[in-house]
Amino acid sequence: MQLDLTTAFAFIACILSVGALVFRSGGQAQAQKSFETYSTKIDTDRQKWREDFEKSVEQRFGAVNGAVTLCREQVHDVREDLARNYLTKSEVKEIELRVSNSQDRILDHLDKIDTRLNEMQTRVLEAINKATSRG
């Protein structure tokens, strides 16, 4: 009987081992399936994040390009405005030269007027001296 019990225990142990292997392989299959599902979800999330990031970068790049274009247009407008409304260095130098020449002529005329006034003053004083000395 003891042999039969040992055989029975061995047989039961064998059945339990096979059952455990089947259960474990089923668990492994479930774990593998869960891992693949999780992996697919992560890959999908990464792909979505990458696409969103690329869209964001494209939008920002578009905004920067738009701002650069606007700045270039504004610089062009400012340059045109300067060209229309302001003088160049050569024009400023020409005007300064004319002003300087005009100032020189004005000073010459003032010197002539001063000389004439001095001459007239001298004549008037001489005339007054003659008139008072006769009298």
C-alpha atoms as a PDB file:
ATOM      1  CA  MET A   1       0.000   0.000   0.000  1.00  0.00           C
ATOM      2  CA  GLN A   2       2.803   2.235   0.664  1.00  0.00           C
ATOM      3  CA  LEU A   3       3.976   1.895  -2.847  1.00  0.00           C
ATOM      4  CA  ASP A   4       0.598   2.748  -4.091  1.00  0.00           C
ATOM      5  CA  LEU A   5       0.511   5.839  -1.890  1.00  0.00           C
ATOM      6  CA  THR A   6       3.922   6.913  -3.107  1.00  0.00           C
ATOM      7  CA  THR A   7       2.843   6.359  -6.658  1.00  0.00           C
ATOM      8  CA  ALA A   8      -0.331   8.272  -5.975  1.00  0.00           C
ATOM      9  CA  PHE A   9       1.634  11.130  -4.428  1.00  0.00           C
ATOM     10  CA  ALA A  10       4.021  11.120  -7.368  1.00  0.00           C
ATOM     11  CA  PHE A  11       1.119  11.053  -9.774  1.00  0.00           C
ATOM     12  CA  ILE A  12      -0.613  13.912  -7.943  1.00  0.00           C
ATOM     13  CA  ALA A  13       2.658  15.850  -7.828  1.00  0.00           C
ATOM     14  CA  CYS A  14       3.077  15.281 -11.548  1.00  0.00           C
ATOM     15  CA  ILE A  15      -0.459  16.500 -12.231  1.00  0.00           C
ATOM     16  CA  LEU A  16       0.087  19.534 -10.014  1.00  0.00           C
ATOM     17  CA  SER A  17       3.369  20.269 -11.783  1.00  0.00           C
ATOM     18  CA  VAL A  18       1.683  20.080 -15.171  1.00  0.00           C
ATOM     19  CA  GLY A  19      -1.154  22.242 -13.860  1.00  0.00           C
ATOM     20  CA  ALA A  20       1.304  24.766 -12.483  1.00  0.00           C
ATOM     21  CA  LEU A  21       3.159  24.857 -15.774  1.00  0.00           C
ATOM     22  CA  VAL A  22      -0.082  25.334 -17.675  1.00  0.00           C
ATOM     23  CA  PHE A  23      -1.206  28.016 -15.241  1.00  0.00           C
ATOM     24  CA  ARG A  24       2.205  29.691 -15.365  1.00  0.00           C
ATOM     25  CA  SER A  25       2.336  29.603 -19.155  1.00  0.00           C
ATOM     26  CA  GLY A  26      -1.161  31.073 -19.195  1.00  0.00           C
ATOM     27  CA  GLY A  27       0.100  33.790 -16.857  1.00  0.00           C
ATOM     28  CA  GLN A  28       3.090  34.359 -19.082  1.00  0.00           C
ATOM     29  CA  ALA A  29       0.820  34.651 -22.089  1.00  0.00           C
ATOM     30  CA  GLN A  30      -1.353  37.110 -20.192  1.00  0.00           C
ATOM     31  CA  ALA A  31       1.721  39.032 -19.061  1.00  0.00           C
ATOM     32  CA  GLN A  32       3.055  39.052 -22.625  1.00  0.00           C
ATOM     33  CA  LYS A  33      -0.302  40.279 -23.913  1.00  0.00           C
ATOM     34  CA  SER A  34      -0.440  42.987 -21.211  1.00  0.00           C
ATOM     35  CA  PHE A  35       3.113  44.033 -22.042  1.00  0.00           C
ATOM     36  CA  GLU A  36       2.303  44.244 -25.750  1.00  0.00           C
ATOM     37  CA  THR A  37      -0.850  46.273 -25.011  1.00  0.00           C
ATOM     38  CA  TYR A  38       1.104  48.597 -22.719  1.00  0.00           C
ATOM     39  CA  SER A  39       3.906  48.846 -25.274  1.00  0.00           C
ATOM     40  CA  THR A  40       1.442  49.704 -28.031  1.00  0.00           C
ATOM     41  CA  LYS A  41      -0.221  52.319 -25.803  1.00  0.00           C
ATOM     42  CA  ILE A  42       3.130  53.896 -24.944  1.00  0.00           C
ATOM     43  CA  ASP A  43       4.178  53.912 -28.612  1.00  0.00           C
ATOM     44  CA  THR A  44       0.855  55.531 -29.536  1.00  0.00           C
ATOM     45  CA  ASP A  45       1.251  58.122 -26.769  1.00  0.00           C
ATOM     46  CA  ARG A  46       4.823  58.861 -27.856  1.00  0.00           C
ATOM     47  CA  GLN A  47       3.747  59.204 -31.469  1.00  0.00           C
ATOM     48  CA  LYS A  48       0.904  61.553 -30.454  1.00  0.00           C
ATOM     49  CA  TRP A  49       3.275  63.598 -28.274  1.00  0.00           C
ATOM     50  CA  ARG A  50       5.806  63.750 -31.132  1.00  0.00           C
ATOM     51  CA  GLU A  51       3.115  64.911 -33.582  1.00  0.00           C
ATOM     52  CA  ASP A  52       1.845  67.529 -31.118  1.00  0.00           C
ATOM     53  CA  PHE A  53       5.393  68.691 -30.499  1.00  0.00           C
ATOM     54  CA  GLU A  54       6.084  68.938 -34.242  1.00  0.00           C
ATOM     55  CA  LYS A  55       2.873  70.938 -34.728  1.00  0.00           C
ATOM     56  CA  SER A  56       3.847  73.223 -31.866  1.00  0.00           C
ATOM     57  CA  VAL A  57       7.323  73.737 -33.307  1.00  0.00           C
ATOM     58  CA  GLU A  58       5.873  74.414 -36.763  1.00  0.00           C
ATOM     59  CA  GLN A  59       3.437  76.956 -35.294  1.00  0.00           C
ATOM     60  CA  ARG A  60       6.193  78.682 -33.352  1.00  0.00           C
ATOM     61  CA  PHE A  61       8.462  78.650 -36.378  1.00  0.00           C
ATOM     62  CA  GLY A  62       5.646  80.134 -38.441  1.00  0.00           C
ATOM     63  CA  ALA A  63       5.100  82.826 -35.813  1.00  0.00           C
ATOM     64  CA  VAL A  64       8.820  83.652 -35.760  1.00  0.00           C
ATOM     65  CA  ASN A  65       8.914  83.765 -39.567  1.00  0.00           C
ATOM     66  CA  GLY A  66       5.894  86.069 -39.554  1.00  0.00           C
ATOM     67  CA  ALA A  67       7.513  88.337 -36.970  1.00  0.00           C
ATOM     68  CA  VAL A  68      10.773  88.448 -38.947  1.00  0.00           C
ATOM     69  CA  THR A  69       8.890  89.297 -42.133  1.00  0.00           C
ATOM     70  CA  LEU A  70       6.961  92.028 -40.323  1.00  0.00           C
ATOM     71  CA  CYS A  71      10.209  93.466 -38.911  1.00  0.00           C
ATOM     72  CA  ARG A  72      11.799  93.460 -42.356  1.00  0.00           C
ATOM     73  CA  GLU A  73       8.789  95.264 -43.815  1.00  0.00           C
ATOM     74  CA  GLN A  74       8.889  97.809 -41.001  1.00  0.00           C
ATOM     75  CA  VAL A  75      12.620  98.389 -41.502  1.00  0.00           C
ATOM     76  CA  HIS A  76      11.977  98.853 -45.220  1.00  0.00           C
ATOM     77  CA  ASP A  77       9.178 101.340 -44.448  1.00  0.00           C
ATOM     78  CA  VAL A  78      11.414 103.240 -42.016  1.00  0.00           C
ATOM     79  CA  ARG A  79      14.202 103.413 -44.593  1.00  0.00           C
ATOM     80  CA  GLU A  80      11.783 104.708 -47.215  1.00  0.00           C
ATOM     81  CA  ASP A  81      10.471 107.267 -44.727  1.00  0.00           C
ATOM     82  CA  LEU A  82      14.019 108.372 -43.927  1.00  0.00           C
ATOM     83  CA  ALA A  83      14.858 108.632 -47.607  1.00  0.00           C
ATOM     84  CA  ARG A  84      11.745 110.721 -48.240  1.00  0.00           C
ATOM     85  CA  ASN A  85      11.770 112.984 -45.218  1.00  0.00           C
ATOM     86  CA  TYR A  86      15.335 113.377 -44.055  1.00  0.00           C
ATOM     87  CA  LEU A  87      18.521 114.791 -45.490  1.00  0.00           C
ATOM     88  CA  THR A  88      21.623 112.890 -46.433  1.00  0.00           C
ATOM     89  CA  LYS A  89      25.044 113.784 -45.022  1.00  0.00           C
ATOM     90  CA  SER A  90      26.061 115.470 -48.257  1.00  0.00           C
ATOM     91  CA  GLU A  91      22.885 117.588 -48.225  1.00  0.00           C
ATOM     92  CA  VAL A  92      23.536 118.568 -44.607  1.00  0.00           C
ATOM     93  CA  LYS A  93      27.147 119.514 -45.419  1.00  0.00           C
ATOM     94  CA  GLU A  94      25.955 121.576 -48.396  1.00  0.00           C
ATOM     95  CA  ILE A  95      23.456 123.428 -46.200  1.00  0.00           C
ATOM     96  CA  GLU A  96      26.100 124.002 -43.508  1.00  0.00           C
ATOM     97  CA  LEU A  97      28.436 125.419 -46.147  1.00  0.00           C
ATOM     98  CA  ARG A  98      25.727 127.793 -47.416  1.00  0.00           C
ATOM     99  CA  VAL A  99      24.918 128.882 -43.853  1.00  0.00           C
ATOM    100  CA  SER A 100      28.608 129.447 -43.131  1.00  0.00           C
ATOM    101  CA  ASN A 101      29.026 131.482 -46.337  1.00  0.00           C
ATOM    102  CA  SER A 102      25.900 133.474 -45.521  1.00  0.00           C
ATOM    103  CA  GLN A 103      27.191 134.156 -42.016  1.00  0.00           C
ATOM    104  CA  ASP A 104      30.494 135.378 -43.473  1.00  0.00           C
ATOM    105  CA  ARG A 105      28.647 137.713 -45.850  1.00  0.00           C
ATOM    106  CA  ILE A 106      26.449 138.979 -43.028  1.00  0.00           C
ATOM    107  CA  LEU A 107      29.530 139.653 -40.889  1.00  0.00           C
ATOM    108  CA  ASP A 108      31.147 141.478 -43.821  1.00  0.00           C
ATOM    109  CA  HIS A 109      28.015 143.613 -44.255  1.00  0.00           C
ATOM    110  CA  LEU A 110      27.891 144.308 -40.510  1.00  0.00           C
ATOM    111  CA  ASP A 111      31.556 145.353 -40.601  1.00  0.00           C
ATOM    112  CA  LYS A 112      30.799 147.704 -43.512  1.00  0.00           C
ATOM    113  CA  ILE A 113      27.789 149.128 -41.665  1.00  0.00           C
ATOM    114  CA  ASP A 114      29.880 149.565 -38.521  1.00  0.00           C
ATOM    115  CA  THR A 115      32.587 151.300 -40.556  1.00  0.00           C
ATOM    116  CA  ARG A 116      30.001 153.601 -42.160  1.00  0.00           C
ATOM    117  CA  LEU A 117      28.440 154.372 -38.780  1.00  0.00           C
ATOM    118  CA  ASN A 118      31.877 155.223 -37.376  1.00  0.00           C
ATOM    119  CA  GLU A 119      32.556 157.470 -40.386  1.00  0.00           C
ATOM    120  CA  MET A 120      29.163 159.151 -40.014  1.00  0.00           C
ATOM    121  CA  GLN A 121      29.716 159.575 -36.278  1.00  0.00           C
ATOM    122  CA  THR A 122      33.093 161.125 -36.972  1.00  0.00           C
ATOM    123  CA  ARG A 123      31.565 163.508 -39.554  1.00  0.00           C
ATOM    124  CA  VAL A 124      28.737 164.437 -37.221  1.00  0.00           C
ATOM    125  CA  LEU A 125      31.182 165.125 -34.393  1.00  0.00           C
ATOM    126  CA  GLU A 126      33.367 167.173 -36.729  1.00  0.00           C
ATOM    127  CA  ALA A 127      30.327 169.093 -37.902  1.00  0.00           C
ATOM    128  CA  ILE A 128      29.270 169.715 -34.305  1.00  0.00           C
ATOM    129  CA  ASN A 129      32.809 170.822 -33.413  1.00  0.00           C
ATOM    130  CA  LYS A 130      32.898 173.196 -36.383  1.00  0.00           C
ATOM    131  CA  ALA A 131      29.502 174.585 -35.522  1.00  0.00           C
ATOM    132  CA  THR A 132      30.424 175.135 -31.903  1.00  0.00           C
ATOM    133  CA  SER A 133      33.812 176.588 -32.715  1.00  0.00           C
ATOM    134  CA  ARG A 134      32.288 179.178 -35.100  1.00  0.00           C
ATOM    135  CA  GLY A 135      29.680 180.201 -32.781  1.00  0.00           C
END
